[in-house]
PDB file of N, CA and C in Angstrom:
ATOM      1  N   MET A   1     -24.635  14.319   6.182  1.00  0.00           N
ATOM      2  CA  MET A   1     -23.404  14.604   6.880  1.00  0.00           C
ATOM      3  C   MET A   1     -23.504  14.673   8.554  1.00  0.00           C
ATOM      4  N   ALA A   2     -22.351  14.387   9.363  1.00  0.00           N
ATOM      5  CA  ALA A   2     -22.548  14.009  10.174  1.00  0.00           C
ATOM      6  C   ALA A   2     -21.224  15.582  10.841  1.00  0.00           C
ATOM      7  N   ALA A   3     -21.699  16.376  11.563  1.00  0.00           N
ATOM      8  CA  ALA A   3     -21.167  17.569  12.099  1.00  0.00           C
ATOM      9  C   ALA A   3     -19.932  17.193  12.283  1.00  0.00           C
ATOM     10  N   GLU A   4     -19.533  16.022  12.986  1.00  0.00           N
ATOM     11  CA  GLU A   4     -18.159  16.024  12.519  1.00  0.00           C
ATOM     12  C   GLU A   4     -17.686  14.545  12.521  1.00  0.00           C
ATOM     13  N   TYR A   5     -16.596  14.188  12.088  1.00  0.00           N
ATOM     14  CA  TYR A   5     -15.707  13.159  11.722  1.00  0.00           C
ATOM     15  C   TYR A   5     -15.380  12.341  13.056  1.00  0.00           C
ATOM     16  N   THR A   6     -15.782  11.398  14.408  1.00  0.00           N
ATOM     17  CA  THR A   6     -16.226  10.946  14.765  1.00  0.00           C
ATOM     18  C   THR A   6     -15.169   9.707  14.555  1.00  0.00           C
ATOM     19  N   PRO A   7     -13.864   9.247  14.133  1.00  0.00           N
ATOM     20  CA  PRO A   7     -13.170   7.714  14.134  1.00  0.00           C
ATOM     21  C   PRO A   7     -13.855   6.712  14.378  1.00  0.00           C
ATOM     22  N   SER A   8     -14.564   6.450  15.645  1.00  0.00           N
ATOM     23  CA  SER A   8     -15.015   5.197  16.460  1.00  0.00           C
ATOM     24  C   SER A   8     -16.659   4.923  16.061  1.00  0.00           C
ATOM     25  N   ASN A   9     -16.719   5.889  15.810  1.00  0.00           N
ATOM     26  CA  ASN A   9     -18.249   5.416  14.589  1.00  0.00           C
ATOM     27  C   ASN A   9     -18.173   4.792  13.474  1.00  0.00           C
ATOM     28  N   ILE A  10     -16.855   4.987  12.476  1.00  0.00           N
ATOM     29  CA  ILE A  10     -16.848   4.857  11.429  1.00  0.00           C
ATOM     30  C   ILE A  10     -15.821   4.033  10.452  1.00  0.00           C
ATOM     31  N   GLU A  11     -15.230   3.897  11.581  1.00  0.00           N
ATOM     32  CA  GLU A  11     -13.518   3.611  10.753  1.00  0.00           C
ATOM     33  C   GLU A  11     -14.365   1.482  11.162  1.00  0.00           C
ATOM     34  N   PRO A  12     -15.214   1.263  12.511  1.00  0.00           N
ATOM     35  CA  PRO A  12     -15.210  -0.731  12.346  1.00  0.00           C
ATOM     36  C   PRO A  12     -16.177  -1.021  11.604  1.00  0.00           C
ATOM     37  N   ARG A  13     -16.380  -0.001  10.710  1.00  0.00           N
ATOM     38  CA  ARG A  13     -18.220  -0.192   9.159  1.00  0.00           C
ATOM     39  C   ARG A  13     -16.957  -0.526   8.207  1.00  0.00           C
ATOM     40  N   TRP A  14     -15.549   0.055   8.239  1.00  0.00           N
ATOM     41  CA  TRP A  14     -15.009   0.384   7.331  1.00  0.00           C
ATOM     42  C   TRP A  14     -14.664  -0.984   7.062  1.00  0.00           C
ATOM     43  N   GLN A  15     -13.658  -1.076   8.119  1.00  0.00           N
ATOM     44  CA  GLN A  15     -12.999  -1.992   8.607  1.00  0.00           C
ATOM     45  C   GLN A  15     -13.605  -3.764   8.686  1.00  0.00           C
ATOM     46  N   ALA A  16     -14.471  -3.721   8.381  1.00  0.00           N
ATOM     47  CA  ALA A  16     -15.323  -4.941   8.379  1.00  0.00           C
ATOM     48  C   ALA A  16     -14.954  -5.353   7.202  1.00  0.00           C
ATOM     49  N   TYR A  17     -15.818  -4.219   6.582  1.00  0.00           N
ATOM     50  CA  TYR A  17     -15.870  -4.752   5.140  1.00  0.00           C
ATOM     51  C   TYR A  17     -14.922  -4.404   3.952  1.00  0.00           C
ATOM     52  N   TRP A  18     -14.044  -4.020   4.404  1.00  0.00           N
ATOM     53  CA  TRP A  18     -12.336  -4.274   3.553  1.00  0.00           C
ATOM     54  C   TRP A  18     -12.437  -5.794   3.888  1.00  0.00           C
ATOM     55  N   GLU A  19     -11.903  -6.326   5.000  1.00  0.00           N
ATOM     56  CA  GLU A  19     -12.071  -7.709   5.255  1.00  0.00           C
ATOM     57  C   GLU A  19     -12.354  -8.292   5.465  1.00  0.00           C
ATOM     58  N   GLU A  20     -14.005  -8.116   4.774  1.00  0.00           N
ATOM     59  CA  GLU A  20     -15.233  -9.325   4.351  1.00  0.00           C
ATOM     60  C   GLU A  20     -14.362  -9.415   3.328  1.00  0.00           C
ATOM     61  N   ASN A  21     -14.552  -8.527   2.458  1.00  0.00           N
ATOM     62  CA  ASN A  21     -14.068  -8.640   0.928  1.00  0.00           C
ATOM     63  C   ASN A  21     -12.997  -8.688   0.585  1.00  0.00           C
ATOM     64  N   GLN A  22     -12.159  -8.472   1.045  1.00  0.00           N
ATOM     65  CA  GLN A  22     -10.896  -8.431   0.608  1.00  0.00           C
ATOM     66  C   GLN A  22     -10.184  -6.932  -0.213  1.00  0.00           C
ATOM     67  N   THR A  23     -10.578  -6.381   0.474  1.00  0.00           N
ATOM     68  CA  THR A  23     -10.168  -6.012  -0.287  1.00  0.00           C
ATOM     69  C   THR A  23      -8.252  -5.111  -0.965  1.00  0.00           C
ATOM     70  N   PHE A  24      -8.448  -5.360   0.486  1.00  0.00           N
ATOM     71  CA  PHE A  24      -5.696  -4.690   0.424  1.00  0.00           C
ATOM     72  C   PHE A  24      -6.109  -5.687   0.135  1.00  0.00           C
ATOM     73  N   ARG A  25      -6.150  -7.460  -0.300  1.00  0.00           N
ATOM     74  CA  ARG A  25      -5.488  -8.890  -0.186  1.00  0.00           C
ATOM     75  C   ARG A  25      -3.990  -8.619  -1.445  1.00  0.00           C
ATOM     76  N   THR A  26      -3.388  -8.564  -2.086  1.00  0.00           N
ATOM     77  CA  THR A  26      -2.734  -9.173  -3.193  1.00  0.00           C
ATOM     78  C   THR A  26      -1.952 -10.385  -2.138  1.00  0.00           C
ATOM     79  N   PRO A  27      -2.463 -11.315  -3.357  1.00  0.00           N
ATOM     80  CA  PRO A  27      -1.596 -12.947  -2.810  1.00  0.00           C
ATOM     81  C   PRO A  27       0.159 -13.691  -3.290  1.00  0.00           C
ATOM     82  N   ASN A  28       0.316 -13.987  -2.309  1.00  0.00           N
ATOM     83  CA  ASN A  28       2.127 -14.275  -2.811  1.00  0.00           C
ATOM     84  C   ASN A  28       1.635 -15.818  -3.906  1.00  0.00           C
ATOM     85  N   PRO A  29       2.831 -15.959  -4.119  1.00  0.00           N
ATOM     86  CA  PRO A  29       3.069 -17.114  -4.788  1.00  0.00           C
ATOM     87  C   PRO A  29       2.696 -18.351  -3.964  1.00  0.00           C
ATOM     88  N   GLY A  30       1.630 -19.258  -4.591  1.00  0.00           N
ATOM     89  CA  GLY A  30       1.496 -20.792  -3.647  1.00  0.00           C
ATOM     90  C   GLY A  30       0.194 -20.266  -3.624  1.00  0.00           C
ATOM     91  N   GLU A  31       0.005 -19.068  -2.498  1.00  0.00           N
ATOM     92  CA  GLU A  31      -1.768 -18.786  -2.552  1.00  0.00           C
ATOM     93  C   GLU A  31      -3.233 -18.858  -3.908  1.00  0.00           C
ATOM     94  N   PRO A  32      -3.569 -19.295  -2.798  1.00  0.00           N
ATOM     95  CA  PRO A  32      -5.684 -18.637  -4.200  1.00  0.00           C
ATOM     96  C   PRO A  32      -5.314 -17.560  -4.478  1.00  0.00           C
ATOM     97  N   GLY A  33      -5.729 -17.513  -5.527  1.00  0.00           N
ATOM     98  CA  GLY A  33      -5.401 -16.620  -6.629  1.00  0.00           C
ATOM     99  C   GLY A  33      -3.650 -15.697  -7.040  1.00  0.00           C
ATOM    100  N   PHE A  34      -3.089 -16.357  -7.315  1.00  0.00           N
ATOM    101  CA  PHE A  34      -2.213 -15.541  -7.594  1.00  0.00           C
ATOM    102  C   PHE A  34      -1.965 -16.493  -8.880  1.00  0.00           C
ATOM    103  N   ASP A  35      -1.393 -15.680  -9.861  1.00  0.00           N
ATOM    104  CA  ASP A  35      -1.818 -15.739 -11.167  1.00  0.00           C
ATOM    105  C   ASP A  35      -0.139 -15.176 -11.794  1.00  0.00           C
ATOM    106  N   ALA A  36       0.550 -17.004 -12.309  1.00  0.00           N
ATOM    107  CA  ALA A  36       2.035 -15.941 -12.369  1.00  0.00           C
ATOM    108  C   ALA A  36       1.705 -16.277 -13.807  1.00  0.00           C
ATOM    109  N   ASN A  37       1.651 -15.210 -14.029  1.00  0.00           N
ATOM    110  CA  ASN A  37       0.644 -15.558 -15.893  1.00  0.00           C
ATOM    111  C   ASN A  37       0.659 -13.476 -15.605  1.00  0.00           C
ATOM    112  N   ARG A  38       0.469 -13.403 -14.965  1.00  0.00           N
ATOM    113  CA  ARG A  38       0.096 -11.706 -15.028  1.00  0.00           C
ATOM    114  C   ARG A  38       1.818 -10.783 -15.538  1.00  0.00           C
ATOM    115  N   PRO A  39       1.386  -9.888 -15.815  1.00  0.00           N
ATOM    116  CA  PRO A  39       3.235  -8.829 -15.619  1.00  0.00           C
ATOM    117  C   PRO A  39       3.716  -8.495 -14.518  1.00  0.00           C
ATOM    118  N   LYS A  40       4.764  -8.510 -14.002  1.00  0.00           N
ATOM    119  CA  LYS A  40       5.906  -8.698 -12.823  1.00  0.00           C
ATOM    120  C   LYS A  40       5.949  -6.971 -13.017  1.00  0.00           C
ATOM    121  N   PHE A  41       6.219  -6.973 -11.300  1.00  0.00           N
ATOM    122  CA  PHE A  41       6.034  -4.552 -11.051  1.00  0.00           C
ATOM    123  C   PHE A  41       6.933  -5.285 -10.095  1.00  0.00           C
ATOM    124  N   TYR A  42       8.291  -4.691 -10.748  1.00  0.00           N
ATOM    125  CA  TYR A  42       8.769  -3.850  -9.181  1.00  0.00           C
ATOM    126  C   TYR A  42       9.476  -2.746  -8.620  1.00  0.00           C
ATOM    127  N   ALA A  43       9.328  -2.281  -7.372  1.00  0.00           N
ATOM    128  CA  ALA A  43       9.261  -1.058  -6.637  1.00  0.00           C
ATOM    129  C   ALA A  43       9.948  -1.214  -6.118  1.00  0.00           C
ATOM    130  N   LEU A  44      11.525  -0.535  -6.285  1.00  0.00           N
ATOM    131  CA  LEU A  44      12.212  -0.526  -4.442  1.00  0.00           C
ATOM    132  C   LEU A  44      12.729   0.796  -3.630  1.00  0.00           C
ATOM    133  N   ASP A  45      12.006   0.496  -2.277  1.00  0.00           N
ATOM    134  CA  ASP A  45      12.578   2.035  -2.170  1.00  0.00           C
ATOM    135  C   ASP A  45      12.813   2.422  -1.026  1.00  0.00           C
ATOM    136  N   MET A  46      14.281   3.020  -0.773  1.00  0.00           N
ATOM    137  CA  MET A  46      15.316   3.254   0.012  1.00  0.00           C
ATOM    138  C   MET A  46      14.508   3.846   0.959  1.00  0.00           C
ATOM    139  N   PHE A  47      15.288   3.614   2.422  1.00  0.00           N
ATOM    140  CA  PHE A  47      15.262   3.912   3.616  1.00  0.00           C
ATOM    141  C   PHE A  47      15.452   5.282   3.945  1.00  0.00           C
ATOM    142  N   PRO A  48      14.637   6.313   4.437  1.00  0.00           N
ATOM    143  CA  PRO A  48      14.718   7.611   4.263  1.00  0.00           C
ATOM    144  C   PRO A  48      16.173   7.989   4.904  1.00  0.00           C
ATOM    145  N   TYR A  49      16.908   9.723   4.527  1.00  0.00           N
ATOM    146  CA  TYR A  49      18.123   9.226   4.979  1.00  0.00           C
ATOM    147  C   TYR A  49      18.072  10.088   6.333  1.00  0.00           C
ATOM    148  N   PRO A  50      19.877   9.618   7.065  1.00  0.00           N
ATOM    149  CA  PRO A  50      18.932  10.532   8.934  1.00  0.00           C
ATOM    150  C   PRO A  50      19.339  11.417   8.066  1.00  0.00           C
ATOM    151  N   SER A  51      18.734  12.564   8.596  1.00  0.00           N
ATOM    152  CA  SER A  51      19.992  14.231   8.829  1.00  0.00           C
ATOM    153  C   SER A  51      19.886  14.432  10.024  1.00  0.00           C
ATOM    154  N   GLY A  52      20.554  15.387  10.807  1.00  0.00           N
ATOM    155  CA  GLY A  52      21.035  15.543  11.816  1.00  0.00           C
ATOM    156  C   GLY A  52      19.611  15.835  12.119  1.00  0.00           C
ATOM    157  N   ALA A  53      18.877  16.886  11.451  1.00  0.00           N
ATOM    158  CA  ALA A  53      17.407  17.392  11.859  1.00  0.00           C
ATOM    159  C   ALA A  53      16.341  16.488  12.753  1.00  0.00           C
ATOM    160  N   GLY A  54      17.095  15.322  12.103  1.00  0.00           N
ATOM    161  CA  GLY A  54      15.617  14.331  12.107  1.00  0.00           C
ATOM    162  C   GLY A  54      14.606  13.811  11.137  1.00  0.00           C
ATOM    163  N   LEU A  55      14.004  13.786  11.260  1.00  0.00           N
ATOM    164  CA  LEU A  55      12.696  13.601  10.083  1.00  0.00           C
ATOM    165  C   LEU A  55      11.662  14.787   9.939  1.00  0.00           C
ATOM    166  N   HIS A  56      10.796  14.667   8.507  1.00  0.00           N
ATOM    167  CA  HIS A  56      10.482  15.458   8.151  1.00  0.00           C
ATOM    168  C   HIS A  56       9.591  14.699   6.550  1.00  0.00           C
ATOM    169  N   VAL A  57       8.629  15.983   6.501  1.00  0.00           N
ATOM    170  CA  VAL A  57       7.670  15.649   5.513  1.00  0.00           C
ATOM    171  C   VAL A  57       7.932  15.258   4.248  1.00  0.00           C
ATOM    172  N   GLY A  58       9.142  14.987   3.921  1.00  0.00           N
ATOM    173  CA  GLY A  58      10.180  15.170   3.065  1.00  0.00           C
ATOM    174  C   GLY A  58      10.444  13.716   2.805  1.00  0.00           C
ATOM    175  N   HIS A  59      10.872  13.098   4.342  1.00  0.00           N
ATOM    176  CA  HIS A  59      11.297  11.985   4.276  1.00  0.00           C
ATOM    177  C   HIS A  59      10.067  10.887   3.253  1.00  0.00           C
ATOM    178  N   PRO A  60       9.119  11.078   3.829  1.00  0.00           N
ATOM    179  CA  PRO A  60       7.660   9.464   3.797  1.00  0.00           C
ATOM    180  C   PRO A  60       7.671  10.410   2.137  1.00  0.00           C
ATOM    181  N   GLU A  61       7.765  11.741   1.268  1.00  0.00           N
ATOM    182  CA  GLU A  61       7.454  11.989   0.348  1.00  0.00           C
ATOM    183  C   GLU A  61       7.746  10.767  -1.085  1.00  0.00           C
ATOM    184  N   GLY A  62       9.111   9.911  -1.071  1.00  0.00           N
ATOM    185  CA  GLY A  62       9.399   9.075  -2.028  1.00  0.00           C
ATOM    186  C   GLY A  62       8.454   7.675  -2.128  1.00  0.00           C
ATOM    187  N   TYR A  63       8.822   7.627  -0.774  1.00  0.00           N
ATOM    188  CA  TYR A  63       7.978   6.880   0.203  1.00  0.00           C
ATOM    189  C   TYR A  63       6.594   6.386  -1.417  1.00  0.00           C
ATOM    190  N   THR A  64       5.431   7.370  -0.606  1.00  0.00           N
ATOM    191  CA  THR A  64       4.540   8.429  -1.852  1.00  0.00           C
ATOM    192  C   THR A  64       4.062   7.295  -2.641  1.00  0.00           C
ATOM    193  N   ALA A  65       4.668   7.951  -3.577  1.00  0.00           N
ATOM    194  CA  ALA A  65       5.655   8.449  -4.868  1.00  0.00           C
ATOM    195  C   ALA A  65       5.371   6.505  -5.377  1.00  0.00           C
ATOM    196  N   THR A  66       5.973   5.772  -5.046  1.00  0.00           N
ATOM    197  CA  THR A  66       6.615   4.169  -5.165  1.00  0.00           C
ATOM    198  C   THR A  66       4.852   3.896  -4.893  1.00  0.00           C
ATOM    199  N   ASP A  67       3.984   4.147  -3.619  1.00  0.00           N
ATOM    200  CA  ASP A  67       3.276   3.307  -3.239  1.00  0.00           C
ATOM    201  C   ASP A  67       1.928   4.183  -3.551  1.00  0.00           C
ATOM    202  N   ILE A  68       1.632   5.106  -4.497  1.00  0.00           N
ATOM    203  CA  ILE A  68       0.861   5.452  -5.638  1.00  0.00           C
ATOM    204  C   ILE A  68       1.063   4.078  -7.251  1.00  0.00           C
ATOM    205  N   ILE A  69       2.627   4.258  -8.046  1.00  0.00           N
ATOM    206  CA  ILE A  69       2.859   3.509  -8.264  1.00  0.00           C
ATOM    207  C   ILE A  69       2.181   1.889  -8.319  1.00  0.00           C
ATOM    208  N   SER A  70       3.325   1.936  -7.364  1.00  0.00           N
ATOM    209  CA  SER A  70       2.785   0.448  -7.368  1.00  0.00           C
ATOM    210  C   SER A  70       0.982   0.051  -7.013  1.00  0.00           C
ATOM    211  N   ARG A  71       0.163   0.580  -5.979  1.00  0.00           N
ATOM    212  CA  ARG A  71      -1.388   0.221  -6.234  1.00  0.00           C
ATOM    213  C   ARG A  71      -1.661   0.302  -7.461  1.00  0.00           C
ATOM    214  N   PHE A  72      -0.869   0.973  -8.622  1.00  0.00           N
ATOM    215  CA  PHE A  72      -1.923   1.710  -9.450  1.00  0.00           C
ATOM    216  C   PHE A  72      -1.086  -0.092 -10.538  1.00  0.00           C
ATOM    217  N   LYS A  73      -0.466  -0.711 -10.481  1.00  0.00           N
ATOM    218  CA  LYS A  73      -0.160  -1.485 -10.926  1.00  0.00           C
ATOM    219  C   LYS A  73      -0.797  -2.747 -10.788  1.00  0.00           C
ATOM    220  N   ARG A  74      -0.437  -2.842  -9.369  1.00  0.00           N
ATOM    221  CA  ARG A  74      -2.059  -4.136  -8.411  1.00  0.00           C
ATOM    222  C   ARG A  74      -3.348  -4.286  -9.509  1.00  0.00           C
ATOM    223  N   MET A  75      -3.579  -2.630  -9.995  1.00  0.00           N
ATOM    224  CA  MET A  75      -5.095  -2.818  -9.906  1.00  0.00           C
ATOM    225  C   MET A  75      -4.941  -2.526 -11.464  1.00  0.00           C
ATOM    226  N   LYS A  76      -4.291  -3.316 -12.258  1.00  0.00           N
ATOM    227  CA  LYS A  76      -4.094  -2.766 -13.596  1.00  0.00           C
ATOM    228  C   LYS A  76      -3.678  -4.313 -14.103  1.00  0.00           C
ATOM    229  N   GLY A  77      -3.434  -5.273 -12.423  1.00  0.00           N
ATOM    230  CA  GLY A  77      -3.368  -6.558 -13.476  1.00  0.00           C
ATOM    231  C   GLY A  77      -2.088  -7.372 -12.730  1.00  0.00           C
ATOM    232  N   CYS A  78      -0.862  -6.388 -12.272  1.00  0.00           N
ATOM    233  CA  CYS A  78       0.133  -6.448 -13.082  1.00  0.00           C
ATOM    234  C   CYS A  78       0.775  -7.458 -10.373  1.00  0.00           C
ATOM    235  N   ASN A  79       1.711  -8.269 -10.963  1.00  0.00           N
ATOM    236  CA  ASN A  79       3.000  -8.209  -9.796  1.00  0.00           C
ATOM    237  C   ASN A  79       3.358  -8.283  -8.978  1.00  0.00           C
ATOM    238  N   VAL A  80       3.018  -7.252  -8.051  1.00  0.00           N
ATOM    239  CA  VAL A  80       3.833  -5.942  -7.843  1.00  0.00           C
ATOM    240  C   VAL A  80       4.641  -6.237  -6.410  1.00  0.00           C
ATOM    241  N   LEU A  81       5.929  -5.742  -6.513  1.00  0.00           N
ATOM    242  CA  LEU A  81       6.665  -6.265  -5.504  1.00  0.00           C
ATOM    243  C   LEU A  81       7.407  -5.066  -4.824  1.00  0.00           C
ATOM    244  N   HIS A  82       7.548  -4.656  -4.040  1.00  0.00           N
ATOM    245  CA  HIS A  82       7.448  -3.497  -3.571  1.00  0.00           C
ATOM    246  C   HIS A  82       7.803  -3.464  -2.351  1.00  0.00           C
ATOM    247  N   PRO A  83       8.585  -4.453  -2.001  1.00  0.00           N
ATOM    248  CA  PRO A  83       9.829  -3.636  -1.072  1.00  0.00           C
ATOM    249  C   PRO A  83      10.882  -2.757   0.220  1.00  0.00           C
ATOM    250  N   MET A  84      10.723  -1.955   1.069  1.00  0.00           N
ATOM    251  CA  MET A  84      11.683  -1.193   1.342  1.00  0.00           C
ATOM    252  C   MET A  84      13.463  -2.061   1.501  1.00  0.00           C
ATOM    253  N   GLY A  85      14.512  -1.200   1.533  1.00  0.00           N
ATOM    254  CA  GLY A  85      15.221  -1.664   1.851  1.00  0.00           C
ATOM    255  C   GLY A  85      16.728  -0.609   0.546  1.00  0.00           C
ATOM    256  N   TRP A  86      17.954  -1.576  -0.162  1.00  0.00           N
ATOM    257  CA  TRP A  86      18.813  -0.983  -0.281  1.00  0.00           C
ATOM    258  C   TRP A  86      19.198  -1.789  -0.770  1.00  0.00           C
TER     259      TRP A  86
END
């Protein structure tokens, strides 16, 4: 293992791998690989509340939870819609 992490030495390799293997691809309706018979899952995220103190670590906390659940549902075979809105 290297003594220090140098992103410019490591990241291009993994980004190329992810792109080549379409690791994070999620097909939309009408695209190759989309299966309308798979179960559907919908997770709506709210925009962070604009407090007077500015952004803080609590703002992305809710999004992190729904992101984890949405990714899990995708891995289990669901068609997932995970928009941010109100």
